[in-house]
Amino acid sequence: MSSIYLIDDHAMMRDGLRALLEDAGHLIVGETGDVTNGLAEVARLEPDVTLLDLHLDGRSGFELLVELQRRDLPTRVIVLTMSDHPRNVAEALRMGATGYLLKGSAGSELLAAVEAVGAGRRYLSTGLSDIAVEGLVSPAAKDKAGTLSPRERQILVMVARGKSSAAIGEELHLSPKTVDTYRSRLMAKLDLGDVPAIVRWAIREGLIDLED
């Protein structure tokens, strides 16, 4: 059985996941709805598996994926989300997620995903294999989004959510000048002229929701 950490900003969702997974014999070592707290707790607790929603109270689960990959933390991540957008599936896998599961999936599929990922195998929700391939091989993925570094993707999402360079720098422990450099570089790579264009691009590519 696996030790598991839950990251989802809906307490009722976490309660349901906890009950299902504990009934199956798994150990829930912690939970949160916050990206920053989740990263600190995963680093401290080193769970076998982390269940991660992509949209977290105005933040993005992609931010956490980037940091987990950068720090080379040993946990294996299953993205558990409502989004079946090809770019989200492809980006999550590119950023190190081992599994991708839709929230409409049956409980039995979640348990199968946790078992597979806990054993070191990849798991995609039913019907997502073709979607992931589409996201990985589409012209947009290869020509533009695929040129971004993990840090550039992270900063792009934060800019698209309206964060200033100072706020991003404080969160990522970077100077505002360094953040501005990243932002200028990603805008040049994507041929985007201003922040509204970044927002439109991020929504179109499924990196943020309209509600965000």
C-alpha atoms as a PDB file:
ATOM      1  CA  MET A   1       0.000   0.000   0.000  1.00  0.00           C
ATOM      2  CA  SER A   2       1.088   3.569  -0.647  1.00  0.00           C
ATOM      3  CA  SER A   3       1.522   6.670   1.472  1.00  0.00           C
ATOM      4  CA  ILE A   4      -0.435   9.486  -0.210  1.00  0.00           C
ATOM      5  CA  TYR A   5      -0.636  13.268   0.014  1.00  0.00           C
ATOM      6  CA  LEU A   6      -3.784  15.075  -1.243  1.00  0.00           C
ATOM      7  CA  ILE A   7      -3.704  18.513  -2.890  1.00  0.00           C
ATOM      8  CA  ASP A   8      -7.147  19.839  -3.810  1.00  0.00           C
ATOM      9  CA  ASP A   9      -8.811  23.099  -2.787  1.00  0.00           C
ATOM     10  CA  HIS A  10     -12.217  21.484  -2.153  1.00  0.00           C
ATOM     11  CA  ALA A  11     -12.409  20.010   1.352  1.00  0.00           C
ATOM     12  CA  MET A  12     -15.323  17.730   0.427  1.00  0.00           C
ATOM     13  CA  MET A  13     -13.283  16.298  -2.445  1.00  0.00           C
ATOM     14  CA  ARG A  14     -10.379  15.605  -0.102  1.00  0.00           C
ATOM     15  CA  ASP A  15     -12.751  13.960   2.403  1.00  0.00           C
ATOM     16  CA  GLY A  16     -14.098  11.652  -0.293  1.00  0.00           C
ATOM     17  CA  LEU A  17     -10.628  10.770  -1.546  1.00  0.00           C
ATOM     18  CA  ARG A  18      -9.407  10.105   1.979  1.00  0.00           C
ATOM     19  CA  ALA A  19     -12.306   7.762   2.742  1.00  0.00           C
ATOM     20  CA  LEU A  20     -11.920   5.824  -0.514  1.00  0.00           C
ATOM     21  CA  LEU A  21      -8.155   5.454  -0.239  1.00  0.00           C
ATOM     22  CA  GLU A  22      -8.072   4.614   3.464  1.00  0.00           C
ATOM     23  CA  ASP A  23     -10.788   1.979   2.990  1.00  0.00           C
ATOM     24  CA  ALA A  24      -8.482   0.409   0.404  1.00  0.00           C
ATOM     25  CA  GLY A  25      -5.637   0.313   2.919  1.00  0.00           C
ATOM     26  CA  HIS A  26      -3.604   3.326   1.787  1.00  0.00           C
ATOM     27  CA  LEU A  27      -2.120   5.794   4.281  1.00  0.00           C
ATOM     28  CA  ILE A  28      -3.053   9.475   3.848  1.00  0.00           C
ATOM     29  CA  VAL A  29      -0.102  11.378   5.326  1.00  0.00           C
ATOM     30  CA  GLY A  30      -1.493  14.876   4.770  1.00  0.00           C
ATOM     31  CA  GLU A  31      -3.644  17.182   2.685  1.00  0.00           C
ATOM     32  CA  THR A  32      -3.945  20.813   1.632  1.00  0.00           C
ATOM     33  CA  GLY A  33      -5.587  23.117  -0.885  1.00  0.00           C
ATOM     34  CA  ASP A  34      -2.555  25.387  -1.195  1.00  0.00           C
ATOM     35  CA  VAL A  35       0.361  25.070  -3.646  1.00  0.00           C
ATOM     36  CA  THR A  36       3.023  26.556  -1.353  1.00  0.00           C
ATOM     37  CA  ASN A  37       2.012  24.487   1.659  1.00  0.00           C
ATOM     38  CA  GLY A  38       1.680  21.397  -0.519  1.00  0.00           C
ATOM     39  CA  LEU A  39       5.231  21.727  -1.815  1.00  0.00           C
ATOM     40  CA  ALA A  40       6.642  22.132   1.691  1.00  0.00           C
ATOM     41  CA  GLU A  41       4.662  19.176   3.035  1.00  0.00           C
ATOM     42  CA  VAL A  42       5.516  16.861   0.130  1.00  0.00           C
ATOM     43  CA  ALA A  43       9.197  17.727   0.547  1.00  0.00           C
ATOM     44  CA  ARG A  44       8.985  16.994   4.288  1.00  0.00           C
ATOM     45  CA  LEU A  45       6.790  13.880   4.218  1.00  0.00           C
ATOM     46  CA  GLU A  46       8.026  12.306   0.949  1.00  0.00           C
ATOM     47  CA  PRO A  47       4.792  10.403   0.196  1.00  0.00           C
ATOM     48  CA  ASP A  48       4.900   7.595  -2.359  1.00  0.00           C
ATOM     49  CA  VAL A  49       2.107   9.275  -4.344  1.00  0.00           C
ATOM     50  CA  THR A  50       0.752  12.827  -4.510  1.00  0.00           C
ATOM     51  CA  LEU A  51      -2.761  13.423  -5.877  1.00  0.00           C
ATOM     52  CA  LEU A  52      -2.812  16.895  -7.420  1.00  0.00           C
ATOM     53  CA  ASP A  53      -5.603  19.040  -8.849  1.00  0.00           C
ATOM     54  CA  LEU A  54      -4.501  21.485 -11.557  1.00  0.00           C
ATOM     55  CA  HIS A  55      -6.692  24.409 -10.464  1.00  0.00           C
ATOM     56  CA  LEU A  56      -6.144  25.424  -6.857  1.00  0.00           C
ATOM     57  CA  ASP A  57      -7.872  28.533  -5.507  1.00  0.00           C
ATOM     58  CA  GLY A  58      -6.346  30.951  -8.017  1.00  0.00           C
ATOM     59  CA  ARG A  59      -3.101  28.973  -8.373  1.00  0.00           C
ATOM     60  CA  SER A  60      -2.010  26.294 -10.797  1.00  0.00           C
ATOM     61  CA  GLY A  61      -0.955  22.745 -10.045  1.00  0.00           C
ATOM     62  CA  PHE A  62       1.577  23.192 -12.841  1.00  0.00           C
ATOM     63  CA  GLU A  63       3.506  25.474 -10.482  1.00  0.00           C
ATOM     64  CA  LEU A  64       3.892  22.593  -8.050  1.00  0.00           C
ATOM     65  CA  LEU A  65       4.820  20.129 -10.800  1.00  0.00           C
ATOM     66  CA  VAL A  66       7.611  22.454 -11.907  1.00  0.00           C
ATOM     67  CA  GLU A  67       8.998  22.721  -8.386  1.00  0.00           C
ATOM     68  CA  LEU A  68       8.771  18.989  -7.702  1.00  0.00           C
ATOM     69  CA  GLN A  69      10.672  18.332 -10.921  1.00  0.00           C
ATOM     70  CA  ARG A  70      13.261  21.044 -10.191  1.00  0.00           C
ATOM     71  CA  ARG A  71      13.918  19.699  -6.686  1.00  0.00           C
ATOM     72  CA  ASP A  72      13.859  16.081  -7.885  1.00  0.00           C
ATOM     73  CA  LEU A  73      11.564  15.036  -5.025  1.00  0.00           C
ATOM     74  CA  PRO A  74      10.829  11.297  -4.943  1.00  0.00           C
ATOM     75  CA  THR A  75       7.011  11.409  -4.881  1.00  0.00           C
ATOM     76  CA  ARG A  76       5.084  10.219  -7.953  1.00  0.00           C
ATOM     77  CA  VAL A  77       2.293  12.578  -9.004  1.00  0.00           C
ATOM     78  CA  ILE A  78      -1.177  11.705 -10.254  1.00  0.00           C
ATOM     79  CA  VAL A  79      -2.959  14.738 -11.650  1.00  0.00           C
ATOM     80  CA  LEU A  80      -6.637  14.486 -10.692  1.00  0.00           C
ATOM     81  CA  THR A  81      -8.621  17.133 -12.544  1.00  0.00           C
ATOM     82  CA  MET A  82     -11.720  17.970 -14.556  1.00  0.00           C
ATOM     83  CA  SER A  83      -9.663  19.028 -17.590  1.00  0.00           C
ATOM     84  CA  ASP A  84      -9.122  16.705 -20.551  1.00  0.00           C
ATOM     85  CA  HIS A  85      -7.556  19.489 -22.650  1.00  0.00           C
ATOM     86  CA  PRO A  86      -4.748  17.927 -24.753  1.00  0.00           C
ATOM     87  CA  ARG A  87      -2.274  20.623 -23.724  1.00  0.00           C
ATOM     88  CA  ASN A  88      -2.946  20.036 -20.018  1.00  0.00           C
ATOM     89  CA  VAL A  89      -2.439  16.285 -20.371  1.00  0.00           C
ATOM     90  CA  ALA A  90       0.720  16.715 -22.425  1.00  0.00           C
ATOM     91  CA  GLU A  91       2.171  19.448 -20.197  1.00  0.00           C
ATOM     92  CA  ALA A  92       1.508  17.480 -17.003  1.00  0.00           C
ATOM     93  CA  LEU A  93       3.315  14.445 -18.407  1.00  0.00           C
ATOM     94  CA  ARG A  94       6.143  16.624 -19.705  1.00  0.00           C
ATOM     95  CA  MET A  95       6.495  18.177 -16.243  1.00  0.00           C
ATOM     96  CA  GLY A  96       6.904  14.816 -14.563  1.00  0.00           C
ATOM     97  CA  ALA A  97       3.406  13.600 -13.656  1.00  0.00           C
ATOM     98  CA  THR A  98       3.223   9.800 -13.708  1.00  0.00           C
ATOM     99  CA  GLY A  99      -0.572   9.629 -13.908  1.00  0.00           C
ATOM    100  CA  TYR A 100      -3.452  11.743 -15.195  1.00  0.00           C
ATOM    101  CA  LEU A 101      -6.980  10.975 -14.051  1.00  0.00           C
ATOM    102  CA  LEU A 102     -10.268  12.764 -14.655  1.00  0.00           C
ATOM    103  CA  LYS A 103     -12.452  13.593 -11.660  1.00  0.00           C
ATOM    104  CA  GLY A 104     -15.422  11.897 -13.296  1.00  0.00           C
ATOM    105  CA  SER A 105     -13.624   8.549 -13.134  1.00  0.00           C
ATOM    106  CA  ALA A 106     -14.926   5.693 -11.008  1.00  0.00           C
ATOM    107  CA  GLY A 107     -13.385   5.059  -7.608  1.00  0.00           C
ATOM    108  CA  SER A 108     -12.075   1.737  -8.868  1.00  0.00           C
ATOM    109  CA  GLU A 109     -10.083   3.557 -11.552  1.00  0.00           C
ATOM    110  CA  LEU A 110      -8.534   5.877  -8.969  1.00  0.00           C
ATOM    111  CA  LEU A 111      -7.449   2.864  -6.936  1.00  0.00           C
ATOM    112  CA  ALA A 112      -6.022   1.250 -10.075  1.00  0.00           C
ATOM    113  CA  ALA A 113      -4.129   4.473 -10.862  1.00  0.00           C
ATOM    114  CA  VAL A 114      -2.660   4.676  -7.353  1.00  0.00           C
ATOM    115  CA  GLU A 115      -1.604   1.024  -7.511  1.00  0.00           C
ATOM    116  CA  ALA A 116       0.028   1.464 -10.925  1.00  0.00           C
ATOM    117  CA  VAL A 117       1.788   4.731 -10.125  1.00  0.00           C
ATOM    118  CA  GLY A 118       2.873   3.493  -6.703  1.00  0.00           C
ATOM    119  CA  ALA A 119       4.548   0.573  -8.482  1.00  0.00           C
ATOM    120  CA  GLY A 120       6.360   2.942 -10.841  1.00  0.00           C
ATOM    121  CA  ARG A 121       4.104   2.555 -13.879  1.00  0.00           C
ATOM    122  CA  ARG A 122       2.368   5.324 -15.823  1.00  0.00           C
ATOM    123  CA  TYR A 123      -1.433   5.582 -15.705  1.00  0.00           C
ATOM    124  CA  LEU A 124      -3.742   7.624 -17.926  1.00  0.00           C
ATOM    125  CA  SER A 125      -7.495   7.864 -17.426  1.00  0.00           C
ATOM    126  CA  THR A 126      -9.557   5.860 -19.910  1.00  0.00           C
ATOM    127  CA  GLY A 127      -9.480   7.515 -23.330  1.00  0.00           C
ATOM    128  CA  LEU A 128      -6.675   9.972 -22.537  1.00  0.00           C
ATOM    129  CA  SER A 129      -3.839   8.251 -24.399  1.00  0.00           C
ATOM    130  CA  ASP A 130      -4.801   9.689 -27.778  1.00  0.00           C
ATOM    131  CA  ILE A 131      -5.434  13.105 -26.207  1.00  0.00           C
ATOM    132  CA  ALA A 132      -1.969  13.115 -24.655  1.00  0.00           C
ATOM    133  CA  VAL A 133      -0.381  12.219 -27.980  1.00  0.00           C
ATOM    134  CA  GLU A 134      -2.363  15.001 -29.669  1.00  0.00           C
ATOM    135  CA  GLY A 135      -1.086  17.512 -27.135  1.00  0.00           C
ATOM    136  CA  LEU A 136       2.496  16.333 -27.522  1.00  0.00           C
ATOM    137  CA  VAL A 137       2.643  16.320 -31.314  1.00  0.00           C
ATOM    138  CA  SER A 138       0.391  19.247 -32.255  1.00  0.00           C
ATOM    139  CA  PRO A 139       2.145  22.093 -34.100  1.00  0.00           C
ATOM    140  CA  ALA A 140       1.465  24.499 -31.239  1.00  0.00           C
ATOM    141  CA  ALA A 141       3.098  22.147 -28.771  1.00  0.00           C
ATOM    142  CA  LYS A 142       6.160  21.609 -30.925  1.00  0.00           C
ATOM    143  CA  ASP A 143       6.636  25.122 -32.306  1.00  0.00           C
ATOM    144  CA  LYS A 144       5.779  27.312 -29.322  1.00  0.00           C
ATOM    145  CA  ALA A 145       4.799  25.852 -25.970  1.00  0.00           C
ATOM    146  CA  GLY A 146       7.385  23.111 -26.335  1.00  0.00           C
ATOM    147  CA  THR A 147      10.157  25.723 -26.448  1.00  0.00           C
ATOM    148  CA  LEU A 148       9.400  27.003 -22.942  1.00  0.00           C
ATOM    149  CA  SER A 149      11.485  25.861 -20.008  1.00  0.00           C
ATOM    150  CA  PRO A 150       9.643  24.589 -16.900  1.00  0.00           C
ATOM    151  CA  ARG A 151      10.408  27.874 -15.108  1.00  0.00           C
ATOM    152  CA  GLU A 152       9.095  29.902 -18.060  1.00  0.00           C
ATOM    153  CA  ARG A 153       5.865  27.875 -18.047  1.00  0.00           C
ATOM    154  CA  GLN A 154       5.528  28.463 -14.330  1.00  0.00           C
ATOM    155  CA  ILE A 155       6.010  32.220 -14.668  1.00  0.00           C
ATOM    156  CA  LEU A 156       3.691  32.386 -17.687  1.00  0.00           C
ATOM    157  CA  VAL A 157       0.857  30.870 -15.645  1.00  0.00           C
ATOM    158  CA  MET A 158       1.518  33.254 -12.755  1.00  0.00           C
ATOM    159  CA  VAL A 159       1.599  36.293 -15.072  1.00  0.00           C
ATOM    160  CA  ALA A 160      -1.635  35.100 -16.705  1.00  0.00           C
ATOM    161  CA  ARG A 161      -3.212  34.994 -13.241  1.00  0.00           C
ATOM    162  CA  GLY A 162      -2.393  38.669 -12.752  1.00  0.00           C
ATOM    163  CA  LYS A 163       0.622  38.430 -10.455  1.00  0.00           C
ATOM    164  CA  SER A 164       3.198  41.221 -10.553  1.00  0.00           C
ATOM    165  CA  SER A 165       6.915  40.602 -11.062  1.00  0.00           C
ATOM    166  CA  ALA A 166       7.499  41.491  -7.400  1.00  0.00           C
ATOM    167  CA  ALA A 167       4.874  38.984  -6.195  1.00  0.00           C
ATOM    168  CA  ILE A 168       6.190  36.252  -8.490  1.00  0.00           C
ATOM    169  CA  GLY A 169       9.746  36.932  -7.378  1.00  0.00           C
ATOM    170  CA  GLU A 170       8.797  36.721  -3.709  1.00  0.00           C
ATOM    171  CA  GLU A 171       7.017  33.418  -4.261  1.00  0.00           C
ATOM    172  CA  LEU A 172       9.809  31.863  -6.326  1.00  0.00           C
ATOM    173  CA  HIS A 173      12.716  33.488  -4.456  1.00  0.00           C
ATOM    174  CA  LEU A 174      13.799  35.426  -7.546  1.00  0.00           C
ATOM    175  CA  SER A 175      14.469  39.123  -8.013  1.00  0.00           C
ATOM    176  CA  PRO A 176      11.798  41.116  -9.893  1.00  0.00           C
ATOM    177  CA  LYS A 177      14.447  41.835 -12.542  1.00  0.00           C
ATOM    178  CA  THR A 178      15.009  38.108 -13.067  1.00  0.00           C
ATOM    179  CA  VAL A 179      11.257  37.566 -13.356  1.00  0.00           C
ATOM    180  CA  ASP A 180      11.064  40.356 -15.934  1.00  0.00           C
ATOM    181  CA  THR A 181      13.824  38.639 -17.907  1.00  0.00           C
ATOM    182  CA  TYR A 182      11.928  35.352 -17.874  1.00  0.00           C
ATOM    183  CA  ARG A 183       8.739  37.125 -18.905  1.00  0.00           C
ATOM    184  CA  SER A 184      10.413  38.939 -21.797  1.00  0.00           C
ATOM    185  CA  ARG A 185      11.992  35.706 -22.984  1.00  0.00           C
ATOM    186  CA  LEU A 186       8.766  33.685 -22.912  1.00  0.00           C
ATOM    187  CA  MET A 187       6.862  36.481 -24.645  1.00  0.00           C
ATOM    188  CA  ALA A 188       9.486  36.517 -27.413  1.00  0.00           C
ATOM    189  CA  LYS A 189       9.318  32.722 -27.774  1.00  0.00           C
ATOM    190  CA  LEU A 190       5.525  32.785 -28.044  1.00  0.00           C
ATOM    191  CA  ASP A 191       5.402  36.004 -30.086  1.00  0.00           C
ATOM    192  CA  LEU A 192       3.107  37.679 -27.529  1.00  0.00           C
ATOM    193  CA  GLY A 193       3.129  41.459 -27.249  1.00  0.00           C
ATOM    194  CA  ASP A 194       1.561  42.154 -23.856  1.00  0.00           C
ATOM    195  CA  VAL A 195       0.022  40.657 -20.722  1.00  0.00           C
ATOM    196  CA  PRO A 196      -3.536  40.370 -22.171  1.00  0.00           C
ATOM    197  CA  ALA A 197      -2.034  38.328 -25.003  1.00  0.00           C
ATOM    198  CA  ILE A 198      -0.388  36.056 -22.430  1.00  0.00           C
ATOM    199  CA  VAL A 199      -3.747  35.593 -20.696  1.00  0.00           C
ATOM    200  CA  ARG A 200      -5.511  34.737 -23.968  1.00  0.00           C
ATOM    201  CA  TRP A 201      -2.770  32.297 -24.927  1.00  0.00           C
ATOM    202  CA  ALA A 202      -2.829  30.578 -21.518  1.00  0.00           C
ATOM    203  CA  ILE A 203      -6.627  30.170 -21.673  1.00  0.00           C
ATOM    204  CA  ARG A 204      -6.527  28.871 -25.248  1.00  0.00           C
ATOM    205  CA  GLU A 205      -3.830  26.351 -24.360  1.00  0.00           C
ATOM    206  CA  GLY A 206      -5.727  25.182 -21.272  1.00  0.00           C
ATOM    207  CA  LEU A 207      -3.122  26.355 -18.760  1.00  0.00           C
ATOM    208  CA  ILE A 208      -5.687  28.441 -16.872  1.00  0.00           C
ATOM    209  CA  ASP A 209      -9.488  28.438 -16.721  1.00  0.00           C
ATOM    210  CA  LEU A 210     -11.765  31.310 -17.683  1.00  0.00           C
ATOM    211  CA  GLU A 211     -12.900  31.451 -14.040  1.00  0.00           C
ATOM    212  CA  ASP A 212      -9.320  32.084 -12.927  1.00  0.00           C
END
